[in-house]
């Protein structure tokens, strides 16, 4: 007859010392994980280093009020921007890259035809708006002098010899009696 060979089930834990180590590990590992998770949830993660959009300055900028009140002195002299300042802050948005067929600043070919129209005519076009350009370049706060200075600056970059208009002298503040 054939022999029946039965193997007994063997355990990886052979000694009482190994049994104690396994029991302690099965208790300490979950407790350690729970403590670490609770610390993470209660203290949070410092995201300023990994995500600049969550920095204190970025959050404060997003929470800034839409409007603000400015108190100015009505008798203070009005500061008129130079042509370069206006071009850098307003006109350069389209004229630096030629967006919507705007003549690029410094492009002699595109500005050549326009320069021949003269500074007063170009300034009126900038004030009223022309083709894709909105009136006053999209900034209603610009004065006629500032627009004329910007037009002269851009045209001069393309080879014109326009003189930048001078600002009108400010009126002296009224004296109180």
Protein backbone atom coordinates (compact mmCIF):
# COMPACT_ATOMS: atom_id res chain seq x y z
CA UNK A 1 0.00 0.00 0.00
CA UNK A 2 0.96 3.49 -0.46
CA UNK A 3 1.87 5.68 2.37
CA UNK A 4 -0.18 8.76 3.15
CA UNK A 5 2.01 11.66 3.81
CA UNK A 6 0.35 14.50 5.78
CA UNK A 7 2.30 17.63 6.52
CA UNK A 8 1.42 19.63 9.58
CA UNK A 9 0.71 23.32 9.23
CA UNK A 10 3.70 25.32 10.35
CA UNK A 11 3.64 28.88 11.71
CA UNK A 12 6.27 31.55 11.06
CA UNK A 13 6.16 32.30 14.81
CA UNK A 14 8.27 29.65 16.44
CA UNK A 15 9.13 31.10 19.85
CA UNK A 16 7.26 33.03 22.55
CA UNK A 17 9.59 36.00 21.95
CA UNK A 18 8.48 36.22 18.32
CA UNK A 19 4.84 36.04 19.44
CA UNK A 20 5.29 38.97 21.82
CA UNK A 21 7.01 41.04 19.10
CA UNK A 22 4.18 40.40 16.62
CA UNK A 23 1.48 41.32 19.17
CA UNK A 24 3.28 44.56 20.15
CA UNK A 25 3.84 45.50 16.48
CA UNK A 26 0.19 44.88 15.64
CA UNK A 27 -0.78 47.34 18.39
CA UNK A 28 1.92 49.98 17.94
CA UNK A 29 1.82 50.35 14.14
CA UNK A 30 -1.89 51.35 13.92
CA UNK A 31 -1.56 53.63 16.95
CA UNK A 32 1.46 55.36 15.38
CA UNK A 33 -0.41 55.83 12.09
CA UNK A 34 -3.44 57.27 13.91
CA UNK A 35 -1.26 59.73 15.87
CA UNK A 36 0.54 60.87 12.70
CA UNK A 37 -2.76 61.41 10.85
CA UNK A 38 -4.23 63.38 13.75
CA UNK A 39 -1.13 65.60 13.86
CA UNK A 40 -1.38 66.19 10.13
CA UNK A 41 -5.05 67.14 10.32
CA UNK A 42 -4.78 69.39 13.36
CA UNK A 43 -1.61 71.28 12.44
CA UNK A 44 -2.05 71.34 8.68
CA UNK A 45 0.61 71.33 6.01
CA UNK A 46 2.76 74.37 5.31
CA UNK A 47 1.91 74.88 1.64
CA UNK A 48 3.75 78.19 1.29
CA UNK A 49 6.92 76.41 0.24
CA UNK A 50 5.28 74.06 -2.23
CA UNK A 51 2.48 76.25 -3.57
CA UNK A 52 3.14 80.00 -3.98
CA UNK A 53 -0.57 80.62 -4.63
CA UNK A 54 -1.25 79.72 -1.00
CA UNK A 55 1.33 82.10 0.49
CA UNK A 56 0.08 84.71 2.92
CA UNK A 57 0.76 87.52 0.43
CA UNK A 58 -1.12 85.77 -2.39
CA UNK A 59 -4.12 85.04 -0.18
CA UNK A 60 -4.18 88.64 1.07
CA UNK A 61 -4.07 89.91 -2.53
CA UNK A 62 -7.07 87.75 -3.44
CA UNK A 63 -9.00 88.94 -0.40
CA UNK A 64 -8.25 92.61 -1.08
CA UNK A 65 -11.38 94.74 -1.53
CA UNK A 66 -12.45 95.52 -5.10
CA UNK A 67 -12.49 99.27 -4.57
CA UNK A 68 -10.79 101.68 -2.28
CA UNK A 69 -11.23 105.27 -1.28
CA UNK A 70 -8.48 107.72 -2.07
CA UNK A 71 -8.39 111.07 -0.38
CA UNK A 72 -6.59 113.62 -2.51
CA UNK A 73 -5.92 117.29 -2.19
CA UNK A 74 -7.92 119.15 -4.86
CA UNK A 75 -5.31 121.91 -4.81
CA UNK A 76 -2.43 119.51 -5.46
CA UNK A 77 -0.75 119.92 -8.84
CA UNK A 78 -1.83 117.40 -11.49
CA UNK A 79 1.00 115.18 -12.66
CA UNK A 80 0.82 114.59 -16.40
CA UNK A 81 2.36 111.34 -17.61
CA UNK A 82 5.06 111.29 -20.25
CA UNK A 83 4.54 109.55 -23.57
CA UNK A 84 6.76 106.65 -22.51
CA UNK A 85 4.80 106.18 -19.27
CA UNK A 86 1.48 106.05 -21.16
CA UNK A 87 2.86 103.66 -23.79
CA UNK A 88 4.33 101.37 -21.12
CA UNK A 89 1.15 101.30 -19.04
CA UNK A 90 -1.61 101.37 -21.67
CA UNK A 91 -0.62 101.44 -25.34
CA UNK A 92 2.10 98.80 -25.14
CA UNK A 93 -0.48 96.10 -24.48
CA UNK A 94 -1.37 96.06 -28.18
CA UNK A 95 1.33 98.10 -29.90
CA UNK A 96 4.28 96.13 -28.46
CA UNK A 97 3.16 92.88 -30.09
CA UNK A 98 0.88 94.10 -32.89
CA UNK A 99 -2.31 92.61 -31.43
CA UNK A 100 -5.44 93.19 -33.58
CA UNK A 101 -3.35 94.72 -36.41
CA UNK A 102 -2.04 97.53 -34.20
CA UNK A 103 1.13 99.04 -35.70
CA UNK A 104 4.07 97.78 -33.64
CA UNK A 105 6.12 100.34 -31.79
CA UNK A 106 9.26 100.99 -33.84
CA UNK A 107 7.91 99.43 -37.07
CA UNK A 108 8.88 102.06 -39.67
CA UNK A 109 6.82 100.41 -42.42
CA UNK A 110 3.57 100.38 -40.44
CA UNK A 111 4.07 103.84 -38.93
CA UNK A 112 5.34 105.48 -42.15
CA UNK A 113 1.84 105.97 -43.59
CA UNK A 114 0.50 107.13 -40.23
CA UNK A 115 3.30 109.64 -39.60
CA UNK A 116 2.45 111.41 -42.85
CA UNK A 117 -1.00 112.21 -41.41
CA UNK A 118 0.58 114.41 -38.73
CA UNK A 119 0.48 114.45 -34.95
CA UNK A 120 -2.87 116.31 -34.55
CA UNK A 121 -4.68 113.84 -36.83
CA UNK A 122 -3.11 110.79 -35.13
CA UNK A 123 -3.97 112.21 -31.72
CA UNK A 124 -7.62 112.68 -32.71
CA UNK A 125 -7.74 109.08 -33.92
CA UNK A 126 -6.34 107.93 -30.57
CA UNK A 127 -8.88 110.06 -28.67
CA UNK A 128 -11.90 108.84 -30.68
CA UNK A 129 -10.65 105.32 -31.37
CA UNK A 130 -9.94 103.83 -34.78
CA UNK A 131 -10.53 100.35 -36.23
CA UNK A 132 -9.94 97.86 -33.38
CA UNK A 133 -8.53 100.47 -31.01
CA UNK A 134 -11.02 101.74 -28.42
CA UNK A 135 -11.32 105.44 -27.60
CA UNK A 136 -8.40 106.68 -25.49
CA UNK A 137 -6.75 103.29 -25.86
CA UNK A 138 -9.33 101.84 -23.48
CA UNK A 139 -8.32 104.09 -20.58
CA UNK A 140 -10.83 106.95 -20.13
CA UNK A 141 -8.61 108.55 -17.46
CA UNK A 142 -5.98 109.60 -20.01
CA UNK A 143 -6.00 113.29 -20.87
CA UNK A 144 -5.67 114.62 -24.41
CA UNK A 145 -2.12 115.80 -23.64
CA UNK A 146 -1.12 112.37 -22.34
CA UNK A 147 -2.53 110.71 -25.45
CA UNK A 148 -0.73 113.18 -27.72
CA UNK A 149 2.50 112.48 -25.85
CA UNK A 150 2.01 108.72 -26.27
CA UNK A 151 1.32 109.08 -30.00
CA UNK A 152 4.39 111.29 -30.43
CA UNK A 153 6.53 108.83 -28.49
CA UNK A 154 5.42 105.82 -30.57
CA UNK A 155 5.72 107.71 -33.86
CA UNK A 156 9.20 108.95 -32.92
CA UNK A 157 10.24 105.35 -32.24
CA UNK A 158 9.43 104.64 -35.90
CA UNK A 159 11.37 107.60 -37.29
CA UNK A 160 9.05 110.60 -36.90
CA UNK A 161 10.33 113.85 -35.45
CA UNK A 162 7.26 114.96 -33.49
CA UNK A 163 7.74 117.20 -30.49
CA UNK A 164 6.07 115.85 -27.38
CA UNK A 165 3.33 118.35 -26.41
CA UNK A 166 3.87 120.38 -23.28
CA UNK A 167 1.35 120.17 -20.47
CA UNK A 168 -0.81 123.22 -19.95
CA UNK A 169 0.33 125.20 -16.92
CA UNK A 170 -1.64 124.30 -13.85
CA UNK A 171 -4.02 126.94 -12.59
CA UNK A 172 -3.00 128.48 -9.30
CA UNK A 173 -5.17 127.37 -6.41
CA UNK A 174 -7.76 129.90 -5.33
CA UNK A 175 -6.82 131.84 -2.22
CA UNK A 176 -9.21 131.71 0.67
CA UNK A 177 -10.31 134.98 2.24
